[in-house]
Amino acid sequence: MRILAVIGALAIIVAIGAAVFFFGGFYSVAGTAEDTSVVSWSLSRIRTASIDRHAQDQPPASINEPASVQAGAKAFAAQGCPTCHGGPGVSWAKFSEGLHPDPPDLKDVVNDLSPSQLFWVVKNGINMTGMPSFAQAGAKDDEIWSIVAFLKKLPSVSEADYKAWTVSAVPTAGK
């Protein structure tokens, strides 16, 4: 019984210490401050678990069709996605270097995510990052699915194909 009392007391002390640390302003939320490994790990696990739980929409049958991939490339460019994530032959905008956490290079992550997971992220955004909800920005589900179609093919898209597919795409910022 004494061991349980000691464990309980330690838990209370740790909780009070954490509350003082976080709510007392000692934890820096500056975009230039690196997160501790515990915070980084926690946020990553929470993000992954949330996406896994909520990503339930099933992709349309047309997701692998070339027309859908090409429409997705155009929507990707028009929505301004290359600003933060780059694209084939397109550099990231300088200001994206100031985002924390860094926006991922999508070529490196799209193969690890299902179409449903990608759809959920693009549609809903990611809280406490620079990733907005494109649904709230006015994108319809069919446009978001076309972006997902493009993203799933992104690692193999050539610079020439991307340029041809997006030549008339104009970013919709400020719409």
Protein backbone atom coordinates (compact mmCIF):
# COMPACT_ATOMS: atom_id res chain seq x y z
CA MET A 1 0.00 0.00 0.00
CA ARG A 2 2.91 2.33 0.78
CA ILE A 3 4.32 1.82 -2.75
CA LEU A 4 1.02 2.90 -4.28
CA ALA A 5 1.01 6.03 -2.14
CA VAL A 6 4.56 6.89 -3.27
CA ILE A 7 3.65 6.29 -6.93
CA GLY A 8 0.54 8.46 -6.53
CA ALA A 9 2.53 11.25 -4.88
CA LEU A 10 5.18 11.13 -7.63
CA ALA A 11 2.46 11.28 -10.30
CA ILE A 12 0.95 14.35 -8.65
CA ILE A 13 4.36 16.04 -8.40
CA VAL A 14 5.13 15.30 -12.07
CA ALA A 15 1.68 16.61 -13.12
CA ILE A 16 2.15 19.83 -11.14
CA GLY A 17 5.67 20.27 -12.54
CA ALA A 18 4.43 19.75 -16.11
CA ALA A 19 1.58 22.21 -15.56
CA VAL A 20 3.97 24.85 -14.22
CA PHE A 21 6.38 24.22 -17.11
CA PHE A 22 3.77 24.44 -19.88
CA PHE A 23 1.21 26.88 -18.46
CA GLY A 24 3.89 29.03 -16.86
CA GLY A 25 5.29 29.86 -20.30
CA PHE A 26 8.62 28.07 -19.82
CA TYR A 27 8.01 25.91 -22.91
CA SER A 28 8.84 28.01 -25.98
CA VAL A 29 6.29 27.87 -28.79
CA ALA A 30 8.52 29.94 -31.10
CA GLY A 31 8.73 28.62 -34.64
CA THR A 32 12.52 28.82 -34.31
CA ALA A 33 12.65 26.63 -31.20
CA GLU A 34 13.19 22.92 -31.73
CA ASP A 35 10.68 20.66 -30.02
CA THR A 36 12.05 18.29 -27.43
CA SER A 37 12.18 14.67 -28.52
CA VAL A 38 9.26 13.83 -26.21
CA VAL A 39 7.07 16.59 -27.69
CA SER A 40 8.08 15.67 -31.25
CA TRP A 41 7.38 11.99 -30.65
CA SER A 42 4.05 12.73 -28.94
CA LEU A 43 2.80 15.04 -31.69
CA SER A 44 3.83 12.55 -34.37
CA ARG A 45 2.04 9.67 -32.63
CA ILE A 46 -1.08 11.77 -32.01
CA ARG A 47 -1.17 12.92 -35.66
CA THR A 48 -0.72 9.37 -36.97
CA ALA A 49 -3.36 7.91 -34.63
CA SER A 50 -5.84 10.65 -35.51
CA ILE A 51 -5.38 10.21 -39.27
CA ASP A 52 -5.65 6.42 -38.91
CA ARG A 53 -8.89 6.73 -36.94
CA HIS A 54 -10.61 9.36 -39.08
CA ALA A 55 -9.54 8.50 -42.64
CA GLN A 56 -12.52 6.39 -43.68
CA ASP A 57 -13.50 7.74 -47.12
CA GLN A 58 -12.94 5.33 -49.99
CA PRO A 59 -11.35 6.58 -53.22
CA PRO A 60 -13.40 6.75 -56.40
CA ALA A 61 -12.82 4.13 -59.08
CA SER A 62 -11.22 6.78 -61.29
CA ILE A 63 -8.31 7.45 -58.93
CA ASN A 64 -5.76 5.68 -61.16
CA GLU A 65 -6.99 7.09 -64.47
CA PRO A 66 -4.51 9.40 -66.26
CA ALA A 67 -7.15 12.14 -66.60
CA SER A 68 -7.67 12.15 -62.83
CA VAL A 69 -3.91 12.29 -62.17
CA GLN A 70 -3.51 15.17 -64.62
CA ALA A 71 -6.49 17.05 -63.14
CA GLY A 72 -4.93 16.47 -59.72
CA ALA A 73 -1.62 17.95 -60.84
CA LYS A 74 -3.45 21.03 -62.08
CA ALA A 75 -5.45 21.32 -58.83
CA PHE A 76 -2.26 20.77 -56.78
CA ALA A 77 -0.64 23.71 -58.58
CA ALA A 78 -3.77 25.89 -58.55
CA GLN A 79 -4.28 25.40 -54.80
CA GLY A 80 -0.71 26.55 -54.17
CA CYS A 81 0.58 23.24 -52.81
CA PRO A 82 4.04 23.60 -54.42
CA THR A 83 4.56 26.72 -52.32
CA CYS A 84 5.18 24.55 -49.27
CA HIS A 85 5.76 21.07 -50.73
CA GLY A 86 7.49 21.78 -54.03
CA GLY A 87 6.79 19.64 -57.06
CA PRO A 88 8.58 18.12 -60.02
CA GLY A 89 10.90 20.92 -61.11
CA VAL A 90 9.27 23.41 -58.73
CA SER A 91 11.13 24.73 -55.69
CA TRP A 92 9.47 25.45 -52.37
CA ALA A 93 8.81 29.09 -51.58
CA LYS A 94 11.43 30.63 -49.28
CA PHE A 95 8.91 31.36 -46.52
CA SER A 96 8.09 27.65 -46.20
CA GLU A 97 11.50 27.24 -44.58
CA GLY A 98 10.05 29.14 -41.62
CA LEU A 99 7.22 26.67 -41.04
CA HIS A 100 7.58 24.45 -38.01
CA PRO A 101 7.28 21.54 -38.31
CA ASP A 102 8.79 21.53 -41.78
CA PRO A 103 6.34 20.65 -44.56
CA PRO A 104 7.14 17.15 -45.77
CA ASP A 105 8.59 16.43 -49.18
CA LEU A 106 5.54 14.61 -50.48
CA LYS A 107 7.58 12.30 -52.73
CA ASP A 108 8.99 10.83 -49.52
CA VAL A 109 5.70 10.28 -47.67
CA VAL A 110 2.92 9.52 -50.16
CA ASN A 111 3.82 5.84 -50.47
CA ASP A 112 3.42 5.44 -46.70
CA LEU A 113 -0.14 6.80 -46.72
CA SER A 114 -3.28 5.29 -48.21
CA PRO A 115 -5.46 7.32 -50.56
CA SER A 116 -8.02 7.62 -47.73
CA GLN A 117 -5.38 9.04 -45.39
CA LEU A 118 -4.15 11.54 -48.00
CA PHE A 119 -7.73 12.59 -48.74
CA TRP A 120 -8.43 13.17 -45.05
CA VAL A 121 -5.27 15.27 -44.58
CA VAL A 122 -5.88 17.44 -47.66
CA LYS A 123 -9.57 17.85 -46.84
CA ASN A 124 -9.18 18.57 -43.11
CA GLY A 125 -5.63 19.92 -42.74
CA ILE A 126 -3.37 19.28 -39.76
CA ASN A 127 -3.78 21.36 -36.64
CA MET A 128 -0.70 23.20 -35.32
CA THR A 129 1.10 23.01 -38.68
CA GLY A 130 0.87 25.13 -41.79
CA MET A 131 -1.35 22.52 -43.50
CA PRO A 132 -4.77 24.10 -44.10
CA SER A 133 -8.13 22.43 -44.63
CA PHE A 134 -8.71 22.63 -48.36
CA ALA A 135 -12.39 21.81 -47.83
CA GLN A 136 -12.73 25.00 -45.78
CA ALA A 137 -10.82 26.82 -48.52
CA GLY A 138 -13.53 25.79 -50.98
CA ALA A 139 -12.15 22.63 -52.59
CA LYS A 140 -14.81 20.03 -53.35
CA ASP A 141 -14.32 16.32 -52.66
CA ASP A 142 -13.83 15.43 -56.34
CA GLU A 143 -11.03 18.00 -56.64
CA ILE A 144 -9.40 16.71 -53.46
CA TRP A 145 -9.60 13.12 -54.78
CA SER A 146 -7.90 14.25 -58.00
CA ILE A 147 -5.10 15.80 -55.90
CA VAL A 148 -4.79 12.46 -54.10
CA ALA A 149 -4.59 10.68 -57.47
CA PHE A 150 -1.73 12.97 -58.44
CA LEU A 151 0.00 12.56 -55.07
CA LYS A 152 -0.02 8.77 -55.34
CA LYS A 153 1.77 9.08 -58.70
CA LEU A 154 4.02 11.99 -57.62
CA PRO A 155 7.24 9.99 -57.03
CA SER A 156 7.25 8.90 -60.67
CA VAL A 157 6.00 12.12 -62.33
CA SER A 158 8.60 13.75 -64.54
CA GLU A 159 9.32 17.45 -64.54
CA ALA A 160 8.18 17.67 -68.19
CA ASP A 161 4.85 15.93 -67.50
CA TYR A 162 4.15 18.10 -64.47
CA LYS A 163 4.90 21.25 -66.45
CA ALA A 164 2.62 20.15 -69.30
CA TRP A 165 -0.21 19.24 -66.94
CA THR A 166 -0.02 22.50 -64.96
CA VAL A 167 0.80 25.05 -67.66
CA SER A 168 -2.56 26.80 -67.28
CA ALA A 169 -2.94 26.34 -63.53
CA VAL A 170 -3.11 29.59 -61.62
CA PRO A 171 -2.88 29.55 -57.81
CA THR A 172 -6.27 30.36 -56.28
CA ALA A 173 -4.92 32.26 -53.27
CA GLY A 174 -7.01 35.27 -52.45
CA LYS A 175 -10.04 33.90 -54.27
